[in-house]
Protein backbone atom coordinates (compact mmCIF):
# COMPACT_ATOMS: atom_id res chain seq x y z
CA UNK A 1 -23.00 -39.08 -19.33
CA UNK A 2 -20.60 -37.09 -17.10
CA UNK A 3 -19.77 -33.51 -18.21
CA UNK A 4 -16.11 -34.49 -17.85
CA UNK A 5 -16.47 -36.75 -20.89
CA UNK A 6 -15.91 -33.53 -22.90
CA UNK A 7 -12.28 -33.58 -21.85
CA UNK A 8 -10.08 -35.31 -24.46
CA UNK A 9 -6.43 -36.31 -24.20
CA UNK A 10 -5.46 -34.42 -27.38
CA UNK A 11 -7.92 -31.51 -27.06
CA UNK A 12 -5.87 -28.77 -25.35
CA UNK A 13 -6.45 -25.66 -27.52
CA UNK A 14 -6.43 -22.99 -24.78
CA UNK A 15 -3.62 -21.11 -23.11
CA UNK A 16 -2.97 -20.62 -19.38
CA UNK A 17 -3.62 -17.50 -17.35
CA UNK A 18 -1.90 -16.96 -13.98
CA UNK A 19 -2.35 -14.49 -11.15
CA UNK A 20 -0.80 -14.08 -7.71
CA UNK A 21 -3.08 -15.56 -5.05
CA UNK A 22 -3.12 -12.29 -3.14
CA UNK A 23 -5.19 -10.75 -5.90
CA UNK A 24 -8.04 -13.12 -4.97
CA UNK A 25 -7.67 -14.05 -1.36
CA UNK A 26 -6.08 -10.84 -0.14
CA UNK A 27 -3.71 -12.14 2.52
CA UNK A 28 0.02 -12.27 1.82
CA UNK A 29 1.48 -15.73 2.35
CA UNK A 30 4.39 -16.09 4.75
CA UNK A 31 7.74 -16.28 3.10
CA UNK A 32 9.35 -19.68 3.37
CA UNK A 33 12.16 -21.55 1.83
CA UNK A 34 10.74 -23.80 -0.91
CA UNK A 35 10.90 -24.73 -4.54
CA UNK A 36 11.01 -22.06 -7.17
CA UNK A 37 8.37 -23.99 -9.15
CA UNK A 38 5.39 -26.06 -8.10
CA UNK A 39 3.88 -28.95 -10.04
CA UNK A 40 0.19 -29.36 -9.22
CA UNK A 41 -1.55 -32.72 -9.03
CA UNK A 42 -4.98 -33.75 -10.11
CA UNK A 43 -7.74 -33.42 -7.48
CA UNK A 44 -11.02 -35.19 -8.04
CA UNK A 45 -13.92 -34.35 -5.74
CA UNK A 46 -15.12 -37.52 -3.93
CA UNK A 47 -18.65 -36.48 -4.88
CA UNK A 48 -18.04 -36.91 -8.57
CA UNK A 49 -17.65 -40.71 -8.79
CA UNK A 50 -15.94 -40.64 -12.19
CA UNK A 51 -15.40 -43.72 -14.33
CA UNK A 52 -11.77 -44.84 -14.39
CA UNK A 53 -11.34 -44.02 -18.10
CA UNK A 54 -12.43 -40.41 -17.56
CA UNK A 55 -10.14 -40.05 -14.53
CA UNK A 56 -7.26 -41.41 -16.69
CA UNK A 57 -7.85 -38.72 -19.30
CA UNK A 58 -7.99 -35.99 -16.67
CA UNK A 59 -4.83 -37.26 -15.06
CA UNK A 60 -3.06 -37.29 -18.46
CA UNK A 61 -4.02 -33.64 -19.06
CA UNK A 62 -3.12 -32.63 -15.49
CA UNK A 63 0.36 -34.20 -15.80
CA UNK A 64 0.95 -32.19 -18.99
CA UNK A 65 0.26 -28.76 -17.37
CA UNK A 66 3.12 -26.34 -16.88
CA UNK A 67 4.62 -25.69 -13.42
CA UNK A 68 3.52 -22.64 -11.41
CA UNK A 69 5.48 -20.43 -9.08
CA UNK A 70 4.53 -20.60 -5.39
CA UNK A 71 1.31 -18.87 -4.27
CA UNK A 72 -0.29 -18.63 -7.68
CA UNK A 73 -3.73 -19.39 -9.04
CA UNK A 74 -4.24 -20.37 -12.64
CA UNK A 75 -6.91 -21.21 -15.21
CA UNK A 76 -5.62 -23.62 -17.79
CA UNK A 77 -7.77 -23.78 -20.90
CA UNK A 78 -8.32 -27.23 -22.44
CA UNK A 79 -11.09 -27.02 -25.07
CA UNK A 80 -14.38 -25.45 -26.08
CA UNK A 81 -17.53 -27.27 -27.23
CA UNK A 82 -20.36 -25.26 -28.79
CA UNK A 83 -23.82 -26.59 -27.97
CA UNK A 84 -25.68 -26.76 -31.27
CA UNK A 85 -29.18 -26.39 -29.84
CA UNK A 86 -28.55 -23.29 -27.69
CA UNK A 87 -25.32 -21.69 -28.96
CA UNK A 88 -23.84 -21.87 -25.46
CA UNK A 89 -20.12 -22.62 -25.13
CA UNK A 90 -18.83 -25.33 -22.76
CA UNK A 91 -15.32 -24.24 -21.77
CA UNK A 92 -13.15 -27.02 -20.35
CA UNK A 93 -10.41 -25.85 -18.01
CA UNK A 94 -8.42 -26.67 -14.90
CA UNK A 95 -8.55 -24.43 -11.84
CA UNK A 96 -5.10 -24.65 -10.34
CA UNK A 97 -3.49 -23.60 -7.04
CA UNK A 98 0.18 -23.66 -6.01
CA UNK A 99 -0.68 -22.53 -2.45
CA UNK A 100 0.49 -24.72 0.39
CA UNK A 101 -2.98 -24.71 2.00
CA UNK A 102 -6.53 -25.45 0.85
CA UNK A 103 -8.50 -22.69 -0.83
CA UNK A 104 -12.23 -22.19 -1.65
CA UNK A 105 -13.22 -19.43 -4.03
CA UNK A 106 -16.59 -17.67 -4.28
CA UNK A 107 -18.31 -15.91 -7.12
CA UNK A 108 -16.11 -14.44 -9.82
CA UNK A 109 -16.43 -13.11 -13.34
CA UNK A 110 -14.41 -15.14 -15.84
CA UNK A 111 -13.25 -13.74 -19.18
CA UNK A 112 -12.73 -15.69 -22.36
CA UNK A 113 -9.91 -13.83 -24.13
CA UNK A 114 -8.76 -13.92 -27.72
CA UNK A 115 -5.12 -13.80 -28.95
CA UNK A 116 -4.98 -10.07 -28.30
CA UNK A 117 -6.29 -10.52 -24.73
CA UNK A 118 -9.56 -8.91 -25.66
CA UNK A 119 -12.70 -10.47 -24.09
CA UNK A 120 -15.01 -12.38 -26.39
CA UNK A 121 -17.15 -13.57 -23.50
CA UNK A 122 -17.66 -12.62 -19.87
CA UNK A 123 -19.85 -14.27 -17.26
CA UNK A 124 -20.02 -14.71 -13.49
CA UNK A 125 -19.51 -18.17 -12.05
CA UNK A 126 -19.86 -19.60 -8.54
CA UNK A 127 -16.43 -21.19 -8.00
CA UNK A 128 -17.46 -22.59 -4.66
CA UNK A 129 -19.17 -25.36 -6.65
CA UNK A 130 -15.76 -26.76 -7.38
CA UNK A 131 -15.29 -27.37 -3.66
CA UNK A 132 -12.18 -26.82 -1.58
CA UNK A 133 -9.05 -27.02 -3.69
CA UNK A 134 -6.32 -28.96 -1.85
CA UNK A 135 -2.80 -27.57 -1.59
CA UNK A 136 -0.78 -27.57 -4.85
CA UNK A 137 -3.53 -29.17 -6.91
CA UNK A 138 -5.70 -28.70 -9.98
CA UNK A 139 -9.33 -29.45 -10.47
CA UNK A 140 -11.16 -29.80 -13.83
CA UNK A 141 -14.43 -28.01 -14.55
CA UNK A 142 -16.76 -27.13 -17.38
CA UNK A 143 -17.73 -23.43 -17.47
CA UNK A 144 -20.86 -22.91 -19.55
CA UNK A 145 -20.94 -19.45 -21.17
CA UNK A 146 -24.45 -18.48 -22.18
CA UNK A 147 -24.91 -17.45 -25.81
CA UNK A 148 -25.99 -13.90 -24.88
CA UNK A 149 -22.64 -13.33 -23.18
CA UNK A 150 -20.56 -14.41 -26.17
CA UNK A 151 -19.35 -12.00 -28.89
CA UNK A 152 -17.77 -14.59 -31.26
CA UNK A 153 -19.33 -17.18 -33.53
CA UNK A 154 -16.87 -20.04 -33.94
CA UNK A 155 -14.83 -21.31 -31.00
CA UNK A 156 -12.72 -23.58 -33.17
CA UNK A 157 -11.10 -20.55 -34.83
CA UNK A 158 -10.31 -18.89 -31.53
CA UNK A 159 -6.82 -18.59 -30.07
CA UNK A 160 -8.09 -18.33 -26.54
CA UNK A 161 -7.44 -18.31 -22.81
CA UNK A 162 -9.70 -18.24 -19.76
CA UNK A 163 -8.87 -15.62 -17.14
CA UNK A 164 -10.10 -14.20 -13.84
CA UNK A 165 -11.53 -10.72 -13.93
CA UNK A 166 -9.78 -9.82 -10.66
CA UNK A 167 -11.84 -6.64 -10.27
CA UNK A 168 -14.93 -8.77 -9.84
CA UNK A 169 -13.45 -10.26 -6.66
CA UNK A 170 -12.62 -6.96 -4.99
CA UNK A 171 -15.14 -6.30 -2.18
CA UNK A 172 -17.65 -3.56 -3.07
CA UNK A 173 -16.50 -0.37 -1.35
CA UNK A 174 -17.26 3.34 -0.77
CA UNK A 175 -15.43 5.74 -3.08
CA UNK A 176 -15.49 9.36 -1.88
CA UNK A 177 -14.81 12.38 -4.07
CA UNK A 178 -11.86 14.45 -2.80
CA UNK A 179 -14.20 17.23 -1.73
CA UNK A 180 -16.18 14.74 0.44
CA UNK A 181 -12.97 13.29 1.86
CA UNK A 182 -11.94 16.73 3.10
CA UNK A 183 -15.37 17.82 4.31
CA UNK A 184 -16.48 14.77 6.25
CA UNK A 185 -15.45 13.84 9.78
CA UNK A 186 -14.14 10.29 10.37
CA UNK A 187 -17.38 9.24 12.07
CA UNK A 188 -19.38 10.49 9.08
CA UNK A 189 -17.21 8.52 6.69
CA UNK A 190 -17.67 5.45 8.85
CA UNK A 191 -21.45 5.93 8.85
CA UNK A 192 -21.44 6.08 5.03
CA UNK A 193 -19.28 2.97 4.78
CA UNK A 194 -21.68 1.09 7.06
CA UNK A 195 -24.64 2.29 5.02
CA UNK A 196 -23.04 1.01 1.79
CA UNK A 197 -22.33 -2.37 3.41
CA UNK A 198 -25.98 -2.68 4.49
CA UNK A 199 -27.38 -2.27 0.98
CA UNK A 200 -28.48 -5.30 -1.03
CA UNK A 201 -25.78 -6.78 -3.28
CA UNK A 202 -25.75 -5.55 -6.86
CA UNK A 203 -26.30 -7.90 -9.75
CA UNK A 204 -23.37 -8.23 -12.19
CA UNK A 205 -23.12 -5.05 -14.33
CA UNK A 206 -26.02 -3.41 -12.46
CA UNK A 207 -25.99 0.36 -11.90
CA UNK A 208 -28.51 2.03 -9.64
CA UNK A 209 -28.99 4.89 -7.17
CA UNK A 210 -30.22 4.86 -3.57
CA UNK A 211 -31.20 8.05 -1.73
CA UNK A 212 -29.98 8.50 1.80
CA UNK A 213 -30.60 12.16 2.75
CA UNK A 214 -32.89 15.00 1.62
CA UNK A 215 -33.68 18.51 2.82
CA UNK A 216 -35.24 21.70 1.59
CA UNK A 217 -32.95 24.78 1.68
CA UNK A 218 -34.01 28.18 2.95
CA UNK A 219 -34.80 29.36 -0.56
CA UNK A 220 -36.93 26.34 -1.33
CA UNK A 221 -34.47 24.25 -3.33
CA UNK A 222 -34.47 20.49 -2.74
CA UNK A 223 -31.10 18.88 -1.99
CA UNK A 224 -30.96 15.10 -2.25
CA UNK A 225 -27.93 12.95 -1.49
CA UNK A 226 -27.73 9.59 -3.18
CA UNK A 227 -25.46 6.61 -3.52
CA UNK A 228 -24.57 5.92 -7.16
CA UNK A 229 -23.78 2.22 -7.21
CA UNK A 230 -21.66 0.54 -9.86
CA UNK A 231 -21.85 -3.27 -10.15
CA UNK A 232 -19.67 -3.28 -13.27
CA UNK A 233 -16.17 -4.68 -13.22
CA UNK A 234 -15.11 -1.57 -15.12
CA UNK A 235 -15.30 2.14 -14.40
CA UNK A 236 -18.29 4.10 -15.74
CA UNK A 237 -18.32 7.77 -16.71
CA UNK A 238 -21.51 9.75 -16.22
CA UNK A 239 -21.86 12.90 -18.28
CA UNK A 240 -25.61 13.41 -17.69
CA UNK A 241 -27.81 12.32 -14.79
CA UNK A 242 -31.58 12.56 -15.46
CA UNK A 243 -33.16 12.14 -12.01
CA UNK A 244 -36.56 12.22 -10.42
CA UNK A 245 -37.65 12.21 -6.80
CA UNK A 246 -40.86 10.65 -5.46
CA UNK A 247 -42.29 11.18 -1.99
CA UNK A 248 -43.72 8.68 0.51
CA UNK A 249 -46.99 8.62 -1.45
CA UNK A 250 -45.32 7.94 -4.76
CA UNK A 251 -45.97 11.46 -6.00
CA UNK A 252 -43.39 13.05 -8.29
CA UNK A 253 -41.68 15.79 -6.27
CA UNK A 254 -39.20 16.94 -8.84
CA UNK A 255 -37.54 15.95 -12.08
CA UNK A 256 -34.41 17.28 -13.75
CA UNK A 257 -31.26 16.49 -15.65
CA UNK A 258 -27.82 17.25 -14.23
CA UNK A 259 -24.69 17.74 -16.26
CA UNK A 260 -21.63 16.07 -14.75
CA UNK A 261 -18.03 16.74 -15.77
CA UNK A 262 -15.27 14.21 -15.15
CA UNK A 263 -17.65 12.14 -12.97
CA UNK A 264 -16.40 8.53 -12.74
CA UNK A 265 -17.82 5.78 -10.61
CA UNK A 266 -15.07 3.22 -10.22
CA UNK A 267 -15.59 -0.44 -10.82
CA UNK A 268 -17.45 -2.21 -8.03
CA UNK A 269 -17.81 0.92 -5.87
CA UNK A 270 -20.48 3.24 -4.57
CA UNK A 271 -20.03 7.01 -4.88
CA UNK A 272 -22.19 9.40 -2.91
CA UNK A 273 -23.27 12.73 -4.46
CA UNK A 274 -25.66 15.55 -3.75
CA UNK A 275 -28.02 16.95 -6.41
CA UNK A 276 -29.92 20.19 -5.94
CA UNK A 277 -33.31 20.68 -7.60
CA UNK A 278 -34.13 24.41 -7.92
CA UNK A 279 -37.38 25.62 -6.40
CA UNK A 280 -38.85 26.17 -9.85
CA UNK A 281 -38.62 22.41 -10.49
CA UNK A 282 -40.57 21.43 -7.35
CA UNK A 283 -43.87 20.07 -8.68
CA UNK A 284 -46.01 19.71 -5.52
CA UNK A 285 -46.45 21.60 -2.29
CA UNK A 286 -45.50 20.03 1.06
CA UNK A 287 -44.39 16.63 -0.20
CA UNK A 288 -44.17 13.87 2.40
CA UNK A 289 -40.40 13.27 2.55
CA UNK A 290 -40.57 10.90 5.55
CA UNK A 291 -39.81 8.28 2.95
CA UNK A 292 -38.67 9.12 -0.53
CA UNK A 293 -37.11 7.57 -3.63
CA UNK A 294 -34.60 8.86 -6.12
CA UNK A 295 -34.25 7.14 -9.46
CA UNK A 296 -32.94 7.60 -12.95
CA UNK A 297 -35.62 9.20 -15.07
CA UNK A 298 -36.60 7.61 -18.34
């Protein structure tokens, strides 16, 4: 049985969400004379090999979708089926494009929103699996939200819409504190940006730290500079940072907790910061700092 058999002609219970294409693909389309509204048409991947009756249902639903303005992307919610054995939700929707050129999307976090636009589920999906979306077209898909990512019990009672979390599509970037912006030379900023780009990609909602510079001061304090990396699609505020530093041999060099005021790591960014461990917190003599690790202490 094809997954598209979940689509029913009379099953549209979801609303539509629309964004400007520049929020996802970044480039601004050239202005051109054209229609004020665009009607998209059904696009079936040649790899799907759908039975004619299923294609007929999808075409019926596609024809009933509202027009878009030029250069928009939309998610049009159709229905939700709860899988009894797992509690997962199968969300049926059309991915739509009113662009005048093909588009292929990558990974993105999608939000299932209630009537007040509050998320009841959030999960990352690889939208490249839908293939290249032709110009001014719509393509059906089933987005399976895992039970652990769902905050509601009954989808049938939900007044819902499916939406892009646009922040999840913004490339991960370096975010410098104003004091760092003023103190660093352009070549130093460029070096930090390149270092951030070279780090392994964060998992969704992962937060970690990576050390990149350490030195002992003249009075014996240990200054360590780290990247604080935020894989969330929302800002995080750090009020306290319990940290520990290990040397090349895995020995604990120092451990301490740092109070932070107004310290925000923006969504999907990396923020560098320097922490200074006083000499009295240095636990071993002559640590091997040729390689070292900084991590959040438990």
